[in-house]
Amino acid sequence: MSAIGIVLLIIGIIVVLVVVSLIVSYNRFVTQRNLVTESWRQIDVELKRRYDLIPNLIETVKAFATHERQVFESVVQARAQAQQVRSQQGIHAAEQAGAEKNLSGALGRLFAVAENYPTLKSDQNFLGLQNEMTDTEDRIAAGRRFYNGNVRALNTRIEAFPSNLIAGAFKFEKEQYFELDEPAARDAVRADFSSLTGAGPSDQSTYTQQGNQPFVPQSIQQAPQAPPAFGAPQQQFPQSQPMPAQQPAPQQQPYGQQPYGQPPVPNPGQNPGGGQPPQFGQPGQ
């Protein structure tokens, strides 16, 4: 093969590799864009479920709090604004996030009103709607994290080299993040009605835990002793009696020895006067 043929072969191989890399990169962009769209649809489903729960929630609160018309109207207006943004074509994550923040604030005021009516707080229908709203907020938060992760991956590839060349050639654009104040949105529907339902933080406060030790009810812990009443005699505790002094044990003299000036101690088998013991049949001395 001539030198020209080798050069043409190398050029052909390079062109094929470039075309294949372009196709792979383009297909990857398409996959990421579709993944962003699909993750946004999951959020959209939960947003619609949230909007559907609001009318029932308002009607339930109205039955007990008839004088809170301004609060009801603010919730209705915020819901209508959020639905209007949702009905637009395409993904408008930033605008939708702003509308959802307003709606969360209106719902927070609605639940604050509910806390002023003990009968409403104990209503089973209201408590059920509150639990459904809380579950919906949790699913929206999970979908938001999934969506923002896909948006981050797509936007990073659009900015990075050399994939940014392909993105510019095929008009792949960055997507918006769905930035929602997650704690504020969920706290709006997390009112504490545990004092009426018999479960929740109010019951858990009767237990204490230290480190890895098991929970111990405070009711069985030792209570502090109250001071005695004025003029009452103080409780006297019996004093411990001193132990009697121990007498030193008498010293035992060594065998066969005695102090000076005292008669000798007889050995075993001998009479005190000395000599041998009397034999059998003989009178003693």
C-alpha atoms as a PDB file:
ATOM      1  CA  MET A   1       0.000   0.000   0.000  1.00  0.00           C
ATOM      2  CA  SER A   2       1.338   3.410  -0.956  1.00  0.00           C
ATOM      3  CA  ALA A   3       1.857   6.302   1.434  1.00  0.00           C
ATOM      4  CA  ILE A   4      -1.169   8.144   0.034  1.00  0.00           C
ATOM      5  CA  GLY A   5      -3.382   5.156   0.727  1.00  0.00           C
ATOM      6  CA  ILE A   6      -2.170   4.938   4.313  1.00  0.00           C
ATOM      7  CA  VAL A   7      -2.861   8.637   4.876  1.00  0.00           C
ATOM      8  CA  LEU A   8      -6.356   8.318   3.423  1.00  0.00           C
ATOM      9  CA  LEU A   9      -7.029   5.301   5.625  1.00  0.00           C
ATOM     10  CA  ILE A  10      -5.961   7.188   8.743  1.00  0.00           C
ATOM     11  CA  ILE A  11      -8.101  10.172   7.787  1.00  0.00           C
ATOM     12  CA  GLY A  12     -11.074   7.894   7.206  1.00  0.00           C
ATOM     13  CA  ILE A  13     -10.657   6.253  10.601  1.00  0.00           C
ATOM     14  CA  ILE A  14     -10.479   9.660  12.313  1.00  0.00           C
ATOM     15  CA  VAL A  15     -13.616  10.854  10.526  1.00  0.00           C
ATOM     16  CA  VAL A  16     -15.498   7.715  11.556  1.00  0.00           C
ATOM     17  CA  LEU A  17     -14.444   8.131  15.205  1.00  0.00           C
ATOM     18  CA  VAL A  18     -15.526  11.769  15.214  1.00  0.00           C
ATOM     19  CA  VAL A  19     -18.908  10.941  13.697  1.00  0.00           C
ATOM     20  CA  VAL A  20     -19.475   8.117  16.174  1.00  0.00           C
ATOM     21  CA  SER A  21     -18.571  10.361  19.134  1.00  0.00           C
ATOM     22  CA  LEU A  22     -20.941  13.038  17.832  1.00  0.00           C
ATOM     23  CA  ILE A  23     -23.769  10.543  17.563  1.00  0.00           C
ATOM     24  CA  VAL A  24     -23.115   9.149  21.050  1.00  0.00           C
ATOM     25  CA  SER A  25     -22.918  12.618  22.593  1.00  0.00           C
ATOM     26  CA  TYR A  26     -26.084  13.777  20.820  1.00  0.00           C
ATOM     27  CA  ASN A  27     -28.008  10.713  21.949  1.00  0.00           C
ATOM     28  CA  ARG A  28     -26.828  11.278  25.489  1.00  0.00           C
ATOM     29  CA  PHE A  29     -28.110  14.854  25.387  1.00  0.00           C
ATOM     30  CA  VAL A  30     -31.476  13.607  24.179  1.00  0.00           C
ATOM     31  CA  THR A  31     -31.630  11.024  26.967  1.00  0.00           C
ATOM     32  CA  GLN A  32     -30.811  13.592  29.628  1.00  0.00           C
ATOM     33  CA  ARG A  33     -33.365  16.063  28.287  1.00  0.00           C
ATOM     34  CA  ASN A  34     -36.070  13.402  28.289  1.00  0.00           C
ATOM     35  CA  LEU A  35     -35.116  12.405  31.825  1.00  0.00           C
ATOM     36  CA  VAL A  36     -35.538  16.009  32.974  1.00  0.00           C
ATOM     37  CA  THR A  37     -38.960  16.148  31.324  1.00  0.00           C
ATOM     38  CA  GLU A  38     -40.056  12.886  32.926  1.00  0.00           C
ATOM     39  CA  SER A  39     -38.895  13.942  36.391  1.00  0.00           C
ATOM     40  CA  TRP A  40     -40.829  17.194  36.025  1.00  0.00           C
ATOM     41  CA  ARG A  41     -43.969  15.253  35.184  1.00  0.00           C
ATOM     42  CA  GLN A  42     -43.686  13.436  38.485  1.00  0.00           C
ATOM     43  CA  ILE A  43     -43.637  16.782  40.287  1.00  0.00           C
ATOM     44  CA  ASP A  44     -46.570  17.965  38.191  1.00  0.00           C
ATOM     45  CA  VAL A  45     -48.675  14.985  39.289  1.00  0.00           C
ATOM     46  CA  GLU A  46     -48.070  15.757  42.963  1.00  0.00           C
ATOM     47  CA  LEU A  47     -48.787  19.454  42.438  1.00  0.00           C
ATOM     48  CA  LYS A  48     -52.140  18.580  40.902  1.00  0.00           C
ATOM     49  CA  ARG A  49     -52.931  16.330  43.848  1.00  0.00           C
ATOM     50  CA  ARG A  50     -52.089  19.201  46.169  1.00  0.00           C
ATOM     51  CA  TYR A  51     -54.458  21.526  44.316  1.00  0.00           C
ATOM     52  CA  ASP A  52     -57.247  18.947  44.518  1.00  0.00           C
ATOM     53  CA  LEU A  53     -56.948  18.657  48.305  1.00  0.00           C
ATOM     54  CA  ILE A  54     -57.232  22.392  48.949  1.00  0.00           C
ATOM     55  CA  PRO A  55     -61.001  22.839  48.216  1.00  0.00           C
ATOM     56  CA  ASN A  56     -61.948  20.046  50.628  1.00  0.00           C
ATOM     57  CA  LEU A  57     -59.616  21.501  53.226  1.00  0.00           C
ATOM     58  CA  ILE A  58     -61.169  24.954  52.909  1.00  0.00           C
ATOM     59  CA  GLU A  59     -64.716  23.601  53.189  1.00  0.00           C
ATOM     60  CA  THR A  60     -63.790  21.634  56.304  1.00  0.00           C
ATOM     61  CA  VAL A  61     -62.300  24.681  58.002  1.00  0.00           C
ATOM     62  CA  LYS A  62     -65.238  26.852  56.925  1.00  0.00           C
ATOM     63  CA  ALA A  63     -67.634  24.634  58.848  1.00  0.00           C
ATOM     64  CA  PHE A  64     -65.908  25.629  62.103  1.00  0.00           C
ATOM     65  CA  ALA A  65     -64.274  29.007  61.353  1.00  0.00           C
ATOM     66  CA  THR A  66     -66.902  30.998  59.460  1.00  0.00           C
ATOM     67  CA  HIS A  67     -65.335  34.405  60.193  1.00  0.00           C
ATOM     68  CA  GLU A  68     -61.970  33.758  58.494  1.00  0.00           C
ATOM     69  CA  ARG A  69     -63.036  34.840  55.026  1.00  0.00           C
ATOM     70  CA  GLN A  70     -59.840  36.729  54.254  1.00  0.00           C
ATOM     71  CA  VAL A  71     -57.704  33.665  54.913  1.00  0.00           C
ATOM     72  CA  PHE A  72     -59.892  31.508  52.669  1.00  0.00           C
ATOM     73  CA  GLU A  73     -59.697  34.020  49.817  1.00  0.00           C
ATOM     74  CA  SER A  74     -55.904  34.218  50.029  1.00  0.00           C
ATOM     75  CA  VAL A  75     -55.642  30.430  49.718  1.00  0.00           C
ATOM     76  CA  VAL A  76     -58.018  30.377  46.743  1.00  0.00           C
ATOM     77  CA  GLN A  77     -56.098  33.138  44.954  1.00  0.00           C
ATOM     78  CA  ALA A  78     -52.726  31.485  45.555  1.00  0.00           C
ATOM     79  CA  ARG A  79     -54.087  28.169  44.276  1.00  0.00           C
ATOM     80  CA  ALA A  80     -55.463  29.818  41.119  1.00  0.00           C
ATOM     81  CA  GLN A  81     -52.129  31.519  40.440  1.00  0.00           C
ATOM     82  CA  ALA A  82     -50.210  28.255  40.845  1.00  0.00           C
ATOM     83  CA  GLN A  83     -52.619  26.438  38.527  1.00  0.00           C
ATOM     84  CA  GLN A  84     -52.230  29.151  35.903  1.00  0.00           C
ATOM     85  CA  VAL A  85     -48.453  28.759  35.868  1.00  0.00           C
ATOM     86  CA  ARG A  86     -48.797  24.984  35.711  1.00  0.00           C
ATOM     87  CA  SER A  87     -51.077  25.180  32.660  1.00  0.00           C
ATOM     88  CA  GLN A  88     -48.374  26.848  30.538  1.00  0.00           C
ATOM     89  CA  GLN A  89     -46.566  24.840  27.902  1.00  0.00           C
ATOM     90  CA  GLY A  90     -43.097  23.608  28.728  1.00  0.00           C
ATOM     91  CA  ILE A  91     -41.224  23.635  31.998  1.00  0.00           C
ATOM     92  CA  HIS A  92     -41.286  26.870  33.978  1.00  0.00           C
ATOM     93  CA  ALA A  93     -39.651  25.631  37.152  1.00  0.00           C
ATOM     94  CA  ALA A  94     -38.560  29.001  38.538  1.00  0.00           C
ATOM     95  CA  GLU A  95     -41.967  30.628  38.028  1.00  0.00           C
ATOM     96  CA  GLN A  96     -43.736  27.558  39.394  1.00  0.00           C
ATOM     97  CA  ALA A  97     -41.526  27.591  42.473  1.00  0.00           C
ATOM     98  CA  GLY A  98     -42.514  31.198  43.212  1.00  0.00           C
ATOM     99  CA  ALA A  99     -46.214  30.373  42.912  1.00  0.00           C
ATOM    100  CA  GLU A 100     -45.815  27.341  45.180  1.00  0.00           C
ATOM    101  CA  LYS A 101     -44.095  29.452  47.832  1.00  0.00           C
ATOM    102  CA  ASN A 102     -47.062  31.831  47.883  1.00  0.00           C
ATOM    103  CA  LEU A 103     -49.457  28.904  48.150  1.00  0.00           C
ATOM    104  CA  SER A 104     -47.463  27.380  51.009  1.00  0.00           C
ATOM    105  CA  GLY A 105     -47.607  30.677  52.888  1.00  0.00           C
ATOM    106  CA  ALA A 106     -51.390  30.876  52.459  1.00  0.00           C
ATOM    107  CA  LEU A 107     -51.781  27.290  53.661  1.00  0.00           C
ATOM    108  CA  GLY A 108     -49.638  28.092  56.677  1.00  0.00           C
ATOM    109  CA  ARG A 109     -52.025  30.874  57.673  1.00  0.00           C
ATOM    110  CA  LEU A 110     -54.963  28.521  57.171  1.00  0.00           C
ATOM    111  CA  PHE A 111     -53.516  25.915  59.519  1.00  0.00           C
ATOM    112  CA  ALA A 112     -52.660  28.649  62.018  1.00  0.00           C
ATOM    113  CA  VAL A 113     -56.347  29.570  62.070  1.00  0.00           C
ATOM    114  CA  ALA A 114     -57.255  25.922  62.651  1.00  0.00           C
ATOM    115  CA  GLU A 115     -55.188  25.854  65.829  1.00  0.00           C
ATOM    116  CA  ASN A 116     -57.528  28.428  67.393  1.00  0.00           C
ATOM    117  CA  TYR A 117     -60.533  26.074  67.168  1.00  0.00           C
ATOM    118  CA  PRO A 118     -60.246  23.014  69.446  1.00  0.00           C
ATOM    119  CA  THR A 119     -63.293  21.358  67.863  1.00  0.00           C
ATOM    120  CA  LEU A 120     -61.735  21.656  64.416  1.00  0.00           C
ATOM    121  CA  LYS A 121     -58.427  20.255  65.619  1.00  0.00           C
ATOM    122  CA  SER A 122     -60.172  17.114  66.815  1.00  0.00           C
ATOM    123  CA  ASP A 123     -62.220  16.628  63.634  1.00  0.00           C
ATOM    124  CA  GLN A 124     -61.243  13.364  61.921  1.00  0.00           C
ATOM    125  CA  ASN A 125     -61.922  14.716  58.432  1.00  0.00           C
ATOM    126  CA  PHE A 126     -59.602  17.657  59.034  1.00  0.00           C
ATOM    127  CA  LEU A 127     -56.867  15.443  60.480  1.00  0.00           C
ATOM    128  CA  GLY A 128     -57.126  13.096  57.496  1.00  0.00           C
ATOM    129  CA  LEU A 129     -56.769  15.986  55.036  1.00  0.00           C
ATOM    130  CA  GLN A 130     -53.810  17.293  56.969  1.00  0.00           C
ATOM    131  CA  ASN A 131     -52.049  13.916  56.788  1.00  0.00           C
ATOM    132  CA  GLU A 132     -52.716  13.665  53.039  1.00  0.00           C
ATOM    133  CA  MET A 133     -51.346  17.166  52.533  1.00  0.00           C
ATOM    134  CA  THR A 134     -48.220  16.301  54.499  1.00  0.00           C
ATOM    135  CA  ASP A 135     -47.635  13.148  52.432  1.00  0.00           C
ATOM    136  CA  THR A 136     -48.071  15.167  49.243  1.00  0.00           C
ATOM    137  CA  GLU A 137     -45.496  17.712  50.391  1.00  0.00           C
ATOM    138  CA  ASP A 138     -43.031  14.909  51.113  1.00  0.00           C
ATOM    139  CA  ARG A 139     -43.485  13.446  47.626  1.00  0.00           C
ATOM    140  CA  ILE A 140     -43.053  16.877  46.058  1.00  0.00           C
ATOM    141  CA  ALA A 141     -39.798  17.299  47.978  1.00  0.00           C
ATOM    142  CA  ALA A 142     -38.530  13.888  46.791  1.00  0.00           C
ATOM    143  CA  GLY A 143     -39.479  14.667  43.187  1.00  0.00           C
ATOM    144  CA  ARG A 144     -37.825  18.070  43.430  1.00  0.00           C
ATOM    145  CA  ARG A 145     -34.503  16.524  44.481  1.00  0.00           C
ATOM    146  CA  PHE A 146     -34.678  14.012  41.626  1.00  0.00           C
ATOM    147  CA  TYR A 147     -35.527  16.707  39.092  1.00  0.00           C
ATOM    148  CA  ASN A 148     -32.791  19.088  40.252  1.00  0.00           C
ATOM    149  CA  GLY A 149     -30.228  16.283  40.066  1.00  0.00           C
ATOM    150  CA  ASN A 150     -31.101  15.597  36.433  1.00  0.00           C
ATOM    151  CA  VAL A 151     -31.048  19.314  35.623  1.00  0.00           C
ATOM    152  CA  ARG A 152     -27.619  19.647  37.201  1.00  0.00           C
ATOM    153  CA  ALA A 153     -26.218  16.787  35.107  1.00  0.00           C
ATOM    154  CA  LEU A 154     -27.642  18.250  31.886  1.00  0.00           C
ATOM    155  CA  ASN A 155     -26.459  21.797  32.569  1.00  0.00           C
ATOM    156  CA  THR A 156     -22.969  20.571  33.445  1.00  0.00           C
ATOM    157  CA  ARG A 157     -22.618  18.801  30.092  1.00  0.00           C
ATOM    158  CA  ILE A 158     -23.876  21.857  28.242  1.00  0.00           C
ATOM    159  CA  GLU A 159     -21.158  23.974  29.863  1.00  0.00           C
ATOM    160  CA  ALA A 160     -18.295  21.456  29.633  1.00  0.00           C
ATOM    161  CA  PHE A 161     -15.940  21.099  26.656  1.00  0.00           C
ATOM    162  CA  PRO A 162     -16.229  19.555  24.065  1.00  0.00           C
ATOM    163  CA  SER A 163     -19.863  18.644  24.696  1.00  0.00           C
ATOM    164  CA  ASN A 164     -20.747  22.344  24.695  1.00  0.00           C
ATOM    165  CA  LEU A 165     -19.960  22.422  20.960  1.00  0.00           C
ATOM    166  CA  ILE A 166     -22.548  19.747  20.282  1.00  0.00           C
ATOM    167  CA  ALA A 167     -25.056  21.457  22.579  1.00  0.00           C
ATOM    168  CA  GLY A 168     -24.631  24.728  20.721  1.00  0.00           C
ATOM    169  CA  ALA A 169     -24.864  23.068  17.304  1.00  0.00           C
ATOM    170  CA  PHE A 170     -28.094  21.227  18.141  1.00  0.00           C
ATOM    171  CA  LYS A 171     -29.547  24.005  20.378  1.00  0.00           C
ATOM    172  CA  PHE A 172     -29.650  22.149  23.664  1.00  0.00           C
ATOM    173  CA  GLU A 173     -30.450  24.733  26.346  1.00  0.00           C
ATOM    174  CA  LYS A 174     -30.091  24.768  30.103  1.00  0.00           C
ATOM    175  CA  GLU A 175     -33.073  23.886  32.255  1.00  0.00           C
ATOM    176  CA  GLN A 176     -34.234  25.783  35.336  1.00  0.00           C
ATOM    177  CA  TYR A 177     -33.967  24.432  38.859  1.00  0.00           C
ATOM    178  CA  PHE A 178     -37.101  23.954  40.921  1.00  0.00           C
ATOM    179  CA  GLU A 179     -35.927  25.766  44.056  1.00  0.00           C
ATOM    180  CA  LEU A 180     -38.564  25.492  46.748  1.00  0.00           C
ATOM    181  CA  ASP A 181     -38.141  26.330  50.414  1.00  0.00           C
ATOM    182  CA  GLU A 182     -38.688  22.735  51.531  1.00  0.00           C
ATOM    183  CA  PRO A 183     -38.838  23.227  55.337  1.00  0.00           C
ATOM    184  CA  ALA A 184     -41.262  26.148  55.028  1.00  0.00           C
ATOM    185  CA  ALA A 185     -43.496  24.252  52.618  1.00  0.00           C
ATOM    186  CA  ARG A 186     -43.767  21.203  54.833  1.00  0.00           C
ATOM    187  CA  ASP A 187     -44.035  23.091  58.114  1.00  0.00           C
ATOM    188  CA  ALA A 188     -47.077  24.882  56.716  1.00  0.00           C
ATOM    189  CA  VAL A 189     -49.088  21.679  57.075  1.00  0.00           C
ATOM    190  CA  ARG A 190     -47.330  20.165  60.109  1.00  0.00           C
ATOM    191  CA  ALA A 191     -49.445  21.571  62.926  1.00  0.00           C
ATOM    192  CA  ASP A 192     -49.089  19.833  66.293  1.00  0.00           C
ATOM    193  CA  PHE A 193     -52.476  18.364  67.253  1.00  0.00           C
ATOM    194  CA  SER A 194     -50.944  15.585  69.333  1.00  0.00           C
ATOM    195  CA  SER A 195     -52.614  16.760  72.527  1.00  0.00           C
ATOM    196  CA  LEU A 196     -55.959  15.693  71.064  1.00  0.00           C
ATOM    197  CA  THR A 197     -54.985  12.669  69.035  1.00  0.00           C
ATOM    198  CA  GLY A 198     -52.954  11.052  71.818  1.00  0.00           C
ATOM    199  CA  ALA A 199     -49.761  10.681  69.819  1.00  0.00           C
ATOM    200  CA  GLY A 200     -46.925  12.892  68.858  1.00  0.00           C
ATOM    201  CA  PRO A 201     -44.294  15.063  70.486  1.00  0.00           C
ATOM    202  CA  SER A 202     -46.409  15.691  73.594  1.00  0.00           C
ATOM    203  CA  ASP A 203     -46.300  11.977  74.463  1.00  0.00           C
ATOM    204  CA  GLN A 204     -42.659  11.593  73.597  1.00  0.00           C
ATOM    205  CA  SER A 205     -41.700  14.365  76.007  1.00  0.00           C
ATOM    206  CA  THR A 206     -42.401  12.029  78.930  1.00  0.00           C
ATOM    207  CA  TYR A 207     -39.396   9.967  78.030  1.00  0.00           C
ATOM    208  CA  THR A 208     -35.749  10.791  78.322  1.00  0.00           C
ATOM    209  CA  GLN A 209     -32.803   9.169  76.664  1.00  0.00           C
ATOM    210  CA  GLN A 210     -29.139   9.533  77.375  1.00  0.00           C
ATOM    211  CA  GLY A 211     -26.707   8.206  74.821  1.00  0.00           C
ATOM    212  CA  ASN A 212     -27.396   4.589  74.040  1.00  0.00           C
ATOM    213  CA  GLN A 213     -29.367   4.018  77.252  1.00  0.00           C
ATOM    214  CA  PRO A 214     -33.009   2.865  76.896  1.00  0.00           C
ATOM    215  CA  PHE A 215     -35.876   5.281  77.357  1.00  0.00           C
ATOM    216  CA  VAL A 216     -36.835   5.810  81.006  1.00  0.00           C
ATOM    217  CA  PRO A 217     -40.208   7.356  81.898  1.00  0.00           C
ATOM    218  CA  GLN A 218     -39.817  10.536  83.856  1.00  0.00           C
ATOM    219  CA  SER A 219     -42.703   9.484  86.087  1.00  0.00           C
ATOM    220  CA  ILE A 220     -40.599   6.740  87.693  1.00  0.00           C
ATOM    221  CA  GLN A 221     -37.474   8.784  88.066  1.00  0.00           C
ATOM    222  CA  GLN A 222     -36.637  10.026  91.532  1.00  0.00           C
ATOM    223  CA  ALA A 223     -38.477  13.272  92.151  1.00  0.00           C
ATOM    224  CA  PRO A 224     -36.727  16.123  93.978  1.00  0.00           C
ATOM    225  CA  GLN A 225     -37.465  16.297  97.709  1.00  0.00           C
ATOM    226  CA  ALA A 226     -39.550  19.298  98.775  1.00  0.00           C
ATOM    227  CA  PRO A 227     -38.203  21.407 101.676  1.00  0.00           C
ATOM    228  CA  PRO A 228     -39.944  20.862 105.058  1.00  0.00           C
ATOM    229  CA  ALA A 229     -42.741  23.192 106.067  1.00  0.00           C
ATOM    230  CA  PHE A 230     -42.011  26.141 108.322  1.00  0.00           C
ATOM    231  CA  GLY A 231     -41.777  25.015 111.953  1.00  0.00           C
ATOM    232  CA  ALA A 232     -41.894  21.314 111.147  1.00  0.00           C
ATOM    233  CA  PRO A 233     -39.129  19.213 112.672  1.00  0.00           C
ATOM    234  CA  GLN A 234     -36.604  17.995 110.230  1.00  0.00           C
ATOM    235  CA  GLN A 235     -36.295  14.308 109.695  1.00  0.00           C
ATOM    236  CA  GLN A 236     -33.546  12.809 111.789  1.00  0.00           C
ATOM    237  CA  PHE A 237     -31.592   9.974 110.361  1.00  0.00           C
ATOM    238  CA  PRO A 238     -30.173   7.412 112.835  1.00  0.00           C
ATOM    239  CA  GLN A 239     -26.510   7.800 113.340  1.00  0.00           C
ATOM    240  CA  SER A 240     -24.368   4.819 112.826  1.00  0.00           C
ATOM    241  CA  GLN A 241     -23.174   3.247 116.107  1.00  0.00           C
ATOM    242  CA  PRO A 242     -19.410   3.055 116.537  1.00  0.00           C
ATOM    243  CA  MET A 243     -17.933  -0.359 116.378  1.00  0.00           C
ATOM    244  CA  PRO A 244     -16.719  -1.680 119.801  1.00  0.00           C
ATOM    245  CA  ALA A 245     -13.025  -1.604 120.239  1.00  0.00           C
ATOM    246  CA  GLN A 246     -11.493  -4.957 119.734  1.00  0.00           C
ATOM    247  CA  GLN A 247      -9.423  -6.338 122.624  1.00  0.00           C
ATOM    248  CA  PRO A 248      -5.988  -7.505 121.659  1.00  0.00           C
ATOM    249  CA  ALA A 249      -5.666 -11.245 121.691  1.00  0.00           C
ATOM    250  CA  PRO A 250      -3.508 -12.617 124.528  1.00  0.00           C
ATOM    251  CA  GLN A 251      -0.072 -13.525 123.467  1.00  0.00           C
ATOM    252  CA  GLN A 252       0.609 -17.215 123.600  1.00  0.00           C
ATOM    253  CA  GLN A 253       3.893 -18.150 125.166  1.00  0.00           C
ATOM    254  CA  PRO A 254       6.111 -20.431 123.209  1.00  0.00           C
ATOM    255  CA  TYR A 255       6.077 -24.022 124.281  1.00  0.00           C
ATOM    256  CA  GLY A 256       8.420 -24.727 127.171  1.00  0.00           C
ATOM    257  CA  GLN A 257       9.051 -21.041 128.017  1.00  0.00           C
ATOM    258  CA  GLN A 258       7.508 -18.893 130.765  1.00  0.00           C
ATOM    259  CA  PRO A 259       8.123 -15.443 132.174  1.00  0.00           C
ATOM    260  CA  TYR A 260      10.781 -14.892 134.840  1.00  0.00           C
ATOM    261  CA  GLY A 261       9.559 -15.473 138.424  1.00  0.00           C
ATOM    262  CA  GLN A 262       6.577 -17.641 137.583  1.00  0.00           C
ATOM    263  CA  PRO A 263       6.359 -21.387 138.171  1.00  0.00           C
ATOM    264  CA  PRO A 264       7.102 -23.480 135.170  1.00  0.00           C
ATOM    265  CA  VAL A 265       4.222 -24.625 133.054  1.00  0.00           C
ATOM    266  CA  PRO A 266       3.939 -28.417 133.155  1.00  0.00           C
ATOM    267  CA  ASN A 267       4.396 -30.276 129.978  1.00  0.00           C
ATOM    268  CA  PRO A 268       1.511 -32.304 128.663  1.00  0.00           C
ATOM    269  CA  GLY A 269       1.103 -35.457 130.767  1.00  0.00           C
ATOM    270  CA  GLN A 270       3.029 -34.126 133.792  1.00  0.00           C
ATOM    271  CA  ASN A 271       1.668 -33.078 137.197  1.00  0.00           C
ATOM    272  CA  PRO A 272       2.025 -29.476 138.253  1.00  0.00           C
ATOM    273  CA  GLY A 273       4.568 -30.522 140.921  1.00  0.00           C
ATOM    274  CA  GLY A 274       6.783 -32.257 138.425  1.00  0.00           C
ATOM    275  CA  GLY A 275       7.722 -35.931 138.163  1.00  0.00           C
ATOM    276  CA  GLN A 276       6.049 -38.747 136.318  1.00  0.00           C
ATOM    277  CA  PRO A 277       2.381 -39.528 136.564  1.00  0.00           C
ATOM    278  CA  PRO A 278       1.457 -42.414 138.894  1.00  0.00           C
ATOM    279  CA  GLN A 279       1.404 -45.831 137.378  1.00  0.00           C
ATOM    280  CA  PHE A 280      -1.655 -48.040 137.299  1.00  0.00           C
ATOM    281  CA  GLY A 281      -2.418 -49.467 140.749  1.00  0.00           C
ATOM    282  CA  GLN A 282      -0.113 -47.112 142.693  1.00  0.00           C
ATOM    283  CA  PRO A 283      -1.399 -44.224 144.803  1.00  0.00           C
ATOM    284  CA  GLY A 284      -0.626 -40.797 143.686  1.00  0.00           C
ATOM    285  CA  GLN A 285       1.691 -38.532 145.570  1.00  0.00           C
END
